[in-house]
C-alpha atoms as a PDB file:
ATOM      1  CA  MET A   1      45.205 -48.048  25.173  1.00  0.00           C
ATOM      2  CA  ASN A   2      47.207 -45.285  23.530  1.00  0.00           C
ATOM      3  CA  VAL A   3      46.469 -46.473  19.993  1.00  0.00           C
ATOM      4  CA  PRO A   4      42.643 -46.178  20.214  1.00  0.00           C
ATOM      5  CA  ILE A   5      42.949 -42.794  21.906  1.00  0.00           C
ATOM      6  CA  ARG A   6      45.351 -41.628  19.232  1.00  0.00           C
ATOM      7  CA  MET A   7      42.986 -42.877  16.498  1.00  0.00           C
ATOM      8  CA  LEU A   8      40.097 -41.086  18.189  1.00  0.00           C
ATOM      9  CA  GLY A   9      42.125 -37.882  18.202  1.00  0.00           C
ATOM     10  CA  ILE A  10      42.959 -38.273  14.508  1.00  0.00           C
ATOM     11  CA  ALA A  11      39.300 -38.956  13.714  1.00  0.00           C
ATOM     12  CA  THR A  12      38.276 -35.827  15.659  1.00  0.00           C
ATOM     13  CA  VAL A  13      40.777 -33.714  13.743  1.00  0.00           C
ATOM     14  CA  ILE A  14      39.542 -35.131  10.438  1.00  0.00           C
ATOM     15  CA  LEU A  15      35.948 -34.413  11.460  1.00  0.00           C
ATOM     16  CA  TRP A  16      36.746 -30.804  12.299  1.00  0.00           C
ATOM     17  CA  VAL A  17      38.707 -30.370   9.091  1.00  0.00           C
ATOM     18  CA  PHE A  18      35.762 -31.784   7.129  1.00  0.00           C
ATOM     19  CA  LEU A  19      33.323 -29.552   9.009  1.00  0.00           C
ATOM     20  CA  ALA A  20      35.474 -26.474   8.404  1.00  0.00           C
ATOM     21  CA  ALA A  21      35.756 -27.317   4.719  1.00  0.00           C
ATOM     22  CA  TYR A  22      31.984 -27.866   4.525  1.00  0.00           C
ATOM     23  CA  ILE A  23      31.299 -24.505   6.137  1.00  0.00           C
ATOM     24  CA  ALA A  24      33.792 -22.822   3.807  1.00  0.00           C
ATOM     25  CA  VAL A  25      32.136 -24.374   0.755  1.00  0.00           C
ATOM     26  CA  ALA A  26      28.685 -23.399   2.049  1.00  0.00           C
ATOM     27  CA  ALA A  27      29.767 -19.840   2.795  1.00  0.00           C
ATOM     28  CA  ASN A  28      31.376 -19.518  -0.629  1.00  0.00           C
ATOM     29  CA  SER A  29      28.246 -20.938  -2.227  1.00  0.00           C
ATOM     30  CA  PHE A  30      26.123 -18.353  -0.418  1.00  0.00           C
ATOM     31  CA  LYS A  31      27.450 -15.603  -2.671  1.00  0.00           C
ATOM     32  CA  ASP A  32      25.861 -17.429  -5.627  1.00  0.00           C
ATOM     33  CA  LEU A  33      22.414 -17.004  -4.079  1.00  0.00           C
ATOM     34  CA  ASN A  34      20.306 -14.289  -5.775  1.00  0.00           C
ATOM     35  CA  PHE A  35      16.981 -12.754  -4.760  1.00  0.00           C
ATOM     36  CA  GLY A  36      14.727 -10.509  -6.827  1.00  0.00           C
ATOM     37  CA  ALA A  37      11.211  -9.052  -6.694  1.00  0.00           C
ATOM     38  CA  GLY A  38       8.727  -8.390  -9.474  1.00  0.00           C
ATOM     39  CA  GLU A  39       5.795  -6.021  -9.867  1.00  0.00           C
ATOM     40  CA  PRO A  40       3.028  -6.833  -7.357  1.00  0.00           C
ATOM     41  CA  VAL A  41      -0.456  -7.796  -8.509  1.00  0.00           C
ATOM     42  CA  PHE A  42      -3.200  -5.856  -6.691  1.00  0.00           C
ATOM     43  CA  SER A  43      -6.775  -6.767  -5.826  1.00  0.00           C
ATOM     44  CA  ALA A  44      -9.370  -5.455  -3.375  1.00  0.00           C
ATOM     45  CA  SER A  45     -11.252  -7.654  -0.932  1.00  0.00           C
ATOM     46  CA  THR A  46     -14.849  -7.196   0.209  1.00  0.00           C
ATOM     47  CA  ASN A  47     -13.797  -6.486   3.803  1.00  0.00           C
ATOM     48  CA  GLY A  48     -11.892  -3.302   3.041  1.00  0.00           C
ATOM     49  CA  GLU A  49      -8.413  -4.695   2.486  1.00  0.00           C
ATOM     50  CA  LEU A  50      -6.030  -4.096  -0.384  1.00  0.00           C
ATOM     51  CA  LEU A  51      -4.304  -7.346  -1.275  1.00  0.00           C
ATOM     52  CA  PHE A  52      -1.184  -7.663  -3.343  1.00  0.00           C
ATOM     53  CA  ALA A  53       0.876 -10.658  -4.337  1.00  0.00           C
ATOM     54  CA  MET A  54       4.566  -9.837  -4.666  1.00  0.00           C
ATOM     55  CA  PRO A  55       6.536 -12.307  -6.818  1.00  0.00           C
ATOM     56  CA  LEU A  56       9.916 -13.125  -5.292  1.00  0.00           C
ATOM     57  CA  TYR A  57      12.541 -14.779  -7.470  1.00  0.00           C
ATOM     58  CA  ILE A  58      15.048 -17.102  -5.803  1.00  0.00           C
ATOM     59  CA  ASP A  59      17.986 -18.277  -7.891  1.00  0.00           C
ATOM     60  CA  ASN A  60      20.142 -20.731  -5.958  1.00  0.00           C
ATOM     61  CA  ARG A  61      23.208 -21.125  -8.142  1.00  0.00           C
ATOM     62  CA  GLY A  62      25.341 -22.494  -5.338  1.00  0.00           C
ATOM     63  CA  VAL A  63      26.150 -26.094  -4.518  1.00  0.00           C
ATOM     64  CA  CYS A  64      24.095 -26.124  -1.299  1.00  0.00           C
ATOM     65  CA  SER A  65      20.343 -26.152  -0.706  1.00  0.00           C
ATOM     66  CA  LEU A  66      18.164 -23.702   1.216  1.00  0.00           C
ATOM     67  CA  LYS A  67      15.860 -24.983   3.921  1.00  0.00           C
ATOM     68  CA  ASP A  68      12.959 -23.324   5.753  1.00  0.00           C
ATOM     69  CA  LEU A  69      13.206 -19.996   3.956  1.00  0.00           C
ATOM     70  CA  ASN A  70      10.954 -17.586   5.892  1.00  0.00           C
ATOM     71  CA  ILE A  71      10.186 -14.136   4.450  1.00  0.00           C
ATOM     72  CA  ILE A  72       8.595 -11.457   6.647  1.00  0.00           C
ATOM     73  CA  THR A  73       7.534  -7.979   5.515  1.00  0.00           C
ATOM     74  CA  VAL A  74       6.390  -5.166   7.792  1.00  0.00           C
ATOM     75  CA  PHE A  75       4.752  -1.962   6.499  1.00  0.00           C
ATOM     76  CA  SER A  76       4.513   1.182   8.629  1.00  0.00           C
ATOM     77  CA  ASP A  77       2.912   4.586   8.174  1.00  0.00           C
ATOM     78  CA  ALA A  78       4.668   7.946   8.338  1.00  0.00           C
ATOM     79  CA  GLU A  79       4.395   7.975  12.150  1.00  0.00           C
ATOM     80  CA  GLY A  80       6.007   4.546  12.436  1.00  0.00           C
ATOM     81  CA  ALA A  81       2.811   2.704  13.362  1.00  0.00           C
ATOM     82  CA  GLU A  82       2.661  -0.841  11.981  1.00  0.00           C
ATOM     83  CA  ILE A  83      -0.096  -1.249   9.402  1.00  0.00           C
ATOM     84  CA  SER A  84       0.697  -4.685   7.991  1.00  0.00           C
ATOM     85  CA  ILE A  85       2.824  -7.746   8.674  1.00  0.00           C
ATOM     86  CA  ALA A  86       2.970 -10.813   6.445  1.00  0.00           C
ATOM     87  CA  SER A  87       5.108 -13.934   6.199  1.00  0.00           C
ATOM     88  CA  THR A  88       5.758 -16.659   3.628  1.00  0.00           C
ATOM     89  CA  THR A  89       7.643 -19.914   4.172  1.00  0.00           C
ATOM     90  CA  VAL A  90       9.392 -22.006   1.507  1.00  0.00           C
ATOM     91  CA  PRO A  91      10.350 -25.460   2.843  1.00  0.00           C
ATOM     92  CA  LEU A  92      13.203 -26.187   0.432  1.00  0.00           C
ATOM     93  CA  VAL A  93      15.061 -24.646  -2.500  1.00  0.00           C
ATOM     94  CA  LEU A  94      17.466 -27.155  -4.000  1.00  0.00           C
ATOM     95  CA  HIS A  95      20.891 -26.161  -5.263  1.00  0.00           C
ATOM     96  CA  GLY A  96      20.793 -25.137  -8.905  1.00  0.00           C
ATOM     97  CA  GLN A  97      17.057 -24.403  -8.656  1.00  0.00           C
ATOM     98  CA  ASN A  98      15.387 -21.207  -9.856  1.00  0.00           C
ATOM     99  CA  THR A  99      11.973 -20.731  -8.246  1.00  0.00           C
ATOM    100  CA  THR A 100       9.291 -18.047  -7.911  1.00  0.00           C
ATOM    101  CA  VAL A 101       7.344 -17.536  -4.690  1.00  0.00           C
ATOM    102  CA  PHE A 102       4.313 -15.254  -4.298  1.00  0.00           C
ATOM    103  CA  HIS A 103       4.460 -13.308  -1.052  1.00  0.00           C
ATOM    104  CA  ASN A 104       0.938 -12.185  -0.127  1.00  0.00           C
ATOM    105  CA  VAL A 105       0.480  -8.899   1.757  1.00  0.00           C
ATOM    106  CA  SER A 106      -2.717  -7.162   2.898  1.00  0.00           C
ATOM    107  CA  LEU A 107      -3.201  -3.506   3.843  1.00  0.00           C
ATOM    108  CA  ASN A 108      -6.243  -2.351   5.799  1.00  0.00           C
ATOM    109  CA  MET A 109      -7.584   0.555   3.773  1.00  0.00           C
ATOM    110  CA  LYS A 110     -10.050   1.636   6.459  1.00  0.00           C
ATOM    111  CA  ASP A 111      -7.183   2.380   8.825  1.00  0.00           C
ATOM    112  CA  LEU A 112      -4.721   3.739   6.270  1.00  0.00           C
ATOM    113  CA  LEU A 113      -7.132   5.965   4.368  1.00  0.00           C
ATOM    114  CA  ASN A 114      -8.530   7.462   7.528  1.00  0.00           C
ATOM    115  CA  LYS A 115      -5.659   9.929   7.178  1.00  0.00           C
ATOM    116  CA  GLU A 116      -5.867  12.753   4.652  1.00  0.00           C
ATOM    117  CA  GLU A 117      -2.237  12.472   3.539  1.00  0.00           C
ATOM    118  CA  TYR A 118      -2.842   9.010   2.075  1.00  0.00           C
ATOM    119  CA  LEU A 119      -6.103  10.031   0.388  1.00  0.00           C
ATOM    120  CA  PHE A 120      -4.942  13.205  -1.346  1.00  0.00           C
ATOM    121  CA  ASP A 121      -1.120  13.191  -1.447  1.00  0.00           C
ATOM    122  CA  ASP A 122       1.394  10.802  -2.998  1.00  0.00           C
ATOM    123  CA  GLY A 123       4.073   9.567  -0.635  1.00  0.00           C
ATOM    124  CA  ASP A 124       5.903   6.530   0.694  1.00  0.00           C
ATOM    125  CA  LEU A 125       5.202   3.740   3.136  1.00  0.00           C
ATOM    126  CA  ALA A 126       8.116   2.528   5.230  1.00  0.00           C
ATOM    127  CA  ALA A 127       8.749  -1.194   4.876  1.00  0.00           C
ATOM    128  CA  SER A 128      11.237  -3.804   5.978  1.00  0.00           C
ATOM    129  CA  ILE A 129      11.841  -7.300   4.690  1.00  0.00           C
ATOM    130  CA  THR A 130      13.570 -10.051   6.615  1.00  0.00           C
ATOM    131  CA  ALA A 131      14.596 -13.412   5.174  1.00  0.00           C
ATOM    132  CA  GLY A 132      15.633 -16.167   7.568  1.00  0.00           C
ATOM    133  CA  LEU A 133      16.881 -19.506   6.278  1.00  0.00           C
ATOM    134  CA  THR A 134      19.038 -22.530   6.963  1.00  0.00           C
ATOM    135  CA  PHE A 135      21.807 -22.727   4.384  1.00  0.00           C
ATOM    136  CA  ALA A 136      23.346 -26.052   3.453  1.00  0.00           C
ATOM    137  CA  GLU A 137      21.099 -27.592   6.169  1.00  0.00           C
ATOM    138  CA  LEU A 138      23.616 -26.338   8.710  1.00  0.00           C
ATOM    139  CA  LEU A 139      24.107 -22.560   8.742  1.00  0.00           C
ATOM    140  CA  PRO A 140      21.266 -20.327  10.036  1.00  0.00           C
ATOM    141  CA  VAL A 141      21.291 -17.012   8.151  1.00  0.00           C
ATOM    142  CA  GLU A 142      19.121 -13.901   8.463  1.00  0.00           C
ATOM    143  CA  ILE A 143      19.087 -11.042   5.975  1.00  0.00           C
ATOM    144  CA  SER A 144      17.100  -7.836   6.492  1.00  0.00           C
ATOM    145  CA  LYS A 145      16.632  -4.661   4.506  1.00  0.00           C
ATOM    146  CA  ASN A 146      14.643  -1.451   4.910  1.00  0.00           C
ATOM    147  CA  PHE A 147      13.041   0.232   1.938  1.00  0.00           C
ATOM    148  CA  THR A 148      10.196   2.561   1.005  1.00  0.00           C
ATOM    149  CA  TYR A 149       7.127   1.581  -0.964  1.00  0.00           C
ATOM    150  CA  PRO A 150       5.660   4.317  -3.192  1.00  0.00           C
ATOM    151  CA  TRP A 151       2.068   5.182  -2.352  1.00  0.00           C
ATOM    152  CA  GLY A 152      -0.256   6.811  -4.888  1.00  0.00           C
ATOM    153  CA  ALA A 153      -3.209   8.790  -3.552  1.00  0.00           C
ATOM    154  CA  PRO A 154      -6.643   7.787  -4.910  1.00  0.00           C
ATOM    155  CA  PHE A 155      -7.917  11.403  -4.813  1.00  0.00           C
ATOM    156  CA  TYR A 156      -4.701  13.177  -5.745  1.00  0.00           C
ATOM    157  CA  GLY A 157      -5.174  16.894  -6.401  1.00  0.00           C
ATOM    158  CA  PHE A 158      -8.842  16.864  -5.362  1.00  0.00           C
ATOM    159  CA  THR A 159     -10.202  20.276  -6.342  1.00  0.00           C
ATOM    160  CA  LEU A 160     -13.537  22.084  -6.194  1.00  0.00           C
ATOM    161  CA  GLU A 161     -13.246  24.941  -8.664  1.00  0.00           C
ATOM    162  CA  GLN A 162     -14.927  28.343  -8.801  1.00  0.00           C
ATOM    163  CA  ALA A 163     -18.692  28.115  -8.246  1.00  0.00           C
ATOM    164  CA  SER A 164     -21.126  29.752 -10.657  1.00  0.00           C
ATOM    165  CA  PHE A 165     -24.747  30.841 -10.140  1.00  0.00           C
ATOM    166  CA  ARG A 166     -27.644  30.357 -12.567  1.00  0.00           C
ATOM    167  CA  LEU A 167     -31.278  31.366 -12.103  1.00  0.00           C
ATOM    168  CA  ILE A 168     -33.727  28.483 -12.663  1.00  0.00           C
ATOM    169  CA  ASN A 169     -37.088  30.108 -11.890  1.00  0.00           C
ATOM    170  CA  ALA A 170     -38.682  32.623  -9.562  1.00  0.00           C
ATOM    171  CA  THR A 171     -38.074  30.479  -6.472  1.00  0.00           C
ATOM    172  CA  HIS A 172     -34.932  28.433  -7.086  1.00  0.00           C
ATOM    173  CA  GLY A 173     -31.446  28.800  -8.466  1.00  0.00           C
ATOM    174  CA  SER A 174     -28.551  26.525  -9.312  1.00  0.00           C
ATOM    175  CA  ILE A 175     -24.963  26.697  -8.029  1.00  0.00           C
ATOM    176  CA  ASN A 176     -22.587  24.677 -10.233  1.00  0.00           C
ATOM    177  CA  VAL A 177     -19.159  23.574  -9.003  1.00  0.00           C
ATOM    178  CA  PRO A 178     -16.641  21.704 -11.206  1.00  0.00           C
ATOM    179  CA  VAL A 179     -14.795  18.902  -9.388  1.00  0.00           C
ATOM    180  CA  SER A 180     -11.681  16.998 -10.453  1.00  0.00           C
ATOM    181  CA  PHE A 181      -8.995  14.651  -9.143  1.00  0.00           C
ATOM    182  CA  GLU A 182      -6.517  12.019 -10.351  1.00  0.00           C
ATOM    183  CA  ASN A 183      -6.449   8.400  -9.199  1.00  0.00           C
ATOM    184  CA  HIS A 184      -2.749   7.711  -8.556  1.00  0.00           C
ATOM    185  CA  ALA A 185      -3.509   4.546  -6.567  1.00  0.00           C
ATOM    186  CA  ALA A 186      -2.609   1.040  -7.673  1.00  0.00           C
ATOM    187  CA  PHE A 187      -6.292   0.107  -7.676  1.00  0.00           C
ATOM    188  CA  ASN A 188      -9.542   1.337  -9.223  1.00  0.00           C
ATOM    189  CA  ILE A 189     -11.906   3.384  -7.061  1.00  0.00           C
ATOM    190  CA  THR A 190     -15.682   3.214  -7.328  1.00  0.00           C
ATOM    191  CA  GLY A 191     -18.150   4.984  -5.086  1.00  0.00           C
ATOM    192  CA  ASN A 192     -19.866   8.277  -4.543  1.00  0.00           C
ATOM    193  CA  MET A 193     -19.283  11.736  -3.130  1.00  0.00           C
ATOM    194  CA  ARG A 194     -21.783  13.648  -1.039  1.00  0.00           C
ATOM    195  CA  ILE A 195     -21.087  17.386  -0.814  1.00  0.00           C
ATOM    196  CA  GLU A 196     -22.777  19.925   1.416  1.00  0.00           C
ATOM    197  CA  LEU A 197     -22.674  23.595   0.426  1.00  0.00           C
ATOM    198  CA  CYS A 198     -22.575  25.596   3.669  1.00  0.00           C
ATOM    199  CA  GLY A 199     -22.833  29.312   4.255  1.00  0.00           C
ATOM    200  CA  SER A 200     -20.636  31.402   6.506  1.00  0.00           C
ATOM    201  CA  ASP A 201     -23.272  31.017   9.238  1.00  0.00           C
ATOM    202  CA  ASP A 202     -22.866  27.178   9.053  1.00  0.00           C
ATOM    203  CA  SER A 203     -26.281  26.742   7.451  1.00  0.00           C
ATOM    204  CA  VAL A 204     -26.542  24.037   4.770  1.00  0.00           C
ATOM    205  CA  LEU A 205     -27.562  25.790   1.546  1.00  0.00           C
ATOM    206  CA  GLY A 206     -27.731  22.659  -0.601  1.00  0.00           C
ATOM    207  CA  VAL A 207     -26.539  19.086  -1.102  1.00  0.00           C
ATOM    208  CA  ALA A 208     -25.143  17.430  -4.238  1.00  0.00           C
ATOM    209  CA  GLN A 209     -23.962  13.901  -4.990  1.00  0.00           C
ATOM    210  CA  ALA A 210     -21.699  12.432  -7.654  1.00  0.00           C
ATOM    211  CA  VAL A 211     -20.979   8.814  -8.555  1.00  0.00           C
ATOM    212  CA  PHE A 212     -17.454   7.963  -9.746  1.00  0.00           C
ATOM    213  CA  ASP A 213     -15.751   4.931 -11.268  1.00  0.00           C
ATOM    214  CA  VAL A 214     -12.120   5.849 -11.897  1.00  0.00           C
ATOM    215  CA  PRO A 215      -9.511   3.323 -13.071  1.00  0.00           C
ATOM    216  CA  GLN A 216      -6.009   3.587 -11.670  1.00  0.00           C
ATOM    217  CA  GLN A 217      -3.841   6.311 -13.201  1.00  0.00           C
ATOM    218  CA  SER A 218      -6.931   8.052 -14.630  1.00  0.00           C
ATOM    219  CA  VAL A 219      -8.461  11.501 -14.260  1.00  0.00           C
ATOM    220  CA  TYR A 220     -11.962  12.303 -13.032  1.00  0.00           C
ATOM    221  CA  ALA A 221     -13.726  15.528 -13.989  1.00  0.00           C
ATOM    222  CA  GLY A 222     -17.376  16.350 -13.346  1.00  0.00           C
ATOM    223  CA  ASP A 223     -19.827  18.982 -12.178  1.00  0.00           C
ATOM    224  CA  LEU A 224     -21.754  19.320  -8.939  1.00  0.00           C
ATOM    225  CA  LYS A 225     -25.151  20.962  -9.081  1.00  0.00           C
ATOM    226  CA  PHE A 226     -26.792  22.410  -5.974  1.00  0.00           C
ATOM    227  CA  ILE A 227     -30.488  23.330  -6.318  1.00  0.00           C
ATOM    228  CA  VAL A 228     -31.375  25.742  -3.535  1.00  0.00           C
ATOM    229  CA  PRO A 229     -34.036  28.313  -2.691  1.00  0.00           C
ATOM    230  CA  LEU A 230     -33.482  31.595  -4.465  1.00  0.00           C
ATOM    231  CA  ASP A 231     -32.692  33.551  -1.315  1.00  0.00           C
ATOM    232  CA  SER A 232     -29.891  31.075  -0.564  1.00  0.00           C
ATOM    233  CA  ALA A 233     -28.722  30.721  -4.145  1.00  0.00           C
ATOM    234  CA  SER A 234     -28.177  34.398  -4.772  1.00  0.00           C
ATOM    235  CA  PRO A 235     -24.632  35.438  -5.723  1.00  0.00           C
ATOM    236  CA  THR A 236     -24.119  36.879  -2.235  1.00  0.00           C
ATOM    237  CA  ALA A 237     -24.204  33.337  -0.874  1.00  0.00           C
ATOM    238  CA  LEU A 238     -21.038  32.597  -2.835  1.00  0.00           C
ATOM    239  CA  ARG A 239     -18.983  35.247  -1.105  1.00  0.00           C
ATOM    240  CA  GLY A 240     -18.006  33.039   1.829  1.00  0.00           C
ATOM    241  CA  GLY A 241     -18.614  29.606   3.283  1.00  0.00           C
ATOM    242  CA  TYR A 242     -17.330  26.083   2.903  1.00  0.00           C
ATOM    243  CA  PHE A 243     -18.002  22.632   1.468  1.00  0.00           C
ATOM    244  CA  ASN A 244     -18.270  19.416   3.477  1.00  0.00           C
ATOM    245  CA  VAL A 245     -17.190  16.511   1.263  1.00  0.00           C
ATOM    246  CA  TYR A 246     -17.918  12.862   2.175  1.00  0.00           C
ATOM    247  CA  PHE A 247     -16.438   9.886   0.289  1.00  0.00           C
ATOM    248  CA  SER A 248     -17.905   6.390   0.285  1.00  0.00           C
ATOM    249  CA  THR A 249     -16.331   3.375  -1.467  1.00  0.00           C
ATOM    250  CA  SER A 250     -16.197  -0.380  -0.960  1.00  0.00           C
ATOM    251  CA  LEU A 251     -12.723  -0.005   0.589  1.00  0.00           C
ATOM    252  CA  PHE A 252     -13.229   2.979   2.896  1.00  0.00           C
ATOM    253  CA  GLU A 253     -15.364   5.927   3.945  1.00  0.00           C
ATOM    254  CA  TYR A 254     -14.062   9.363   4.765  1.00  0.00           C
ATOM    255  CA  GLY A 255     -15.456  12.727   5.701  1.00  0.00           C
ATOM    256  CA  PRO A 256     -15.992  15.473   6.105  1.00  0.00           C
ATOM    257  CA  LEU A 257     -13.225  17.061   4.093  1.00  0.00           C
ATOM    258  CA  VAL A 258     -13.764  20.791   4.695  1.00  0.00           C
ATOM    259  CA  ILE A 259     -12.927  23.081   1.772  1.00  0.00           C
ATOM    260  CA  PRO A 260     -13.522  26.833   2.206  1.00  0.00           C
ATOM    261  CA  TYR A 261     -14.727  29.018  -0.646  1.00  0.00           C
ATOM    262  CA  GLY A 262     -15.265  32.687  -1.252  1.00  0.00           C
END
């Protein structure tokens, strides 16, 4: 009876030695695993979402395979509120394999661009990425990292410049207002602006509209023309008041942005 028991003990020791060696090899191989990310490709959907595909490069130079690689990204606004969560699963990455995976993320522009800071100011979105995987078909591993994603404002530096008055005829005049902004966003913006010229007594003196189609990283410059009755369009009307600006695009609507003048 002692011989089989002794053999079982030897076999158990050998098994544990083999398992320990396997884990050591797997752990050592883990350092030969490299991850990288490329420039995302952006597109806009018809339901008001900004979509971007982020290429992730996985270079498994080790001697062990990866199984059930699950990548999760979470984006948050400046107040910490979650604005997007996305996940991508890769069933298997063999040892010695170099592969590219596209991680698809969507951001709801109607929610994000309802805040002035994201419309008119460049900034950062807080983000975290978590990668969970089974290494060497045995070791569960989870890696996480926090980072910031640069955000470019679509109406960066939006400015209504000094208004000027011009007499048209005996009953009407024209108030001209130059308007400009820079599209720092990672997407093109197309839509229109509706601007109300209001007096200090809150009366609407005139309304102007402008259509824009501004590619990313481009500048827009135009002129707004308000045709109003002469008593409203006189130079005294320019001494104080404000503009109500409304934006309408396929991705979002916003307004009024109130800009005082005078």
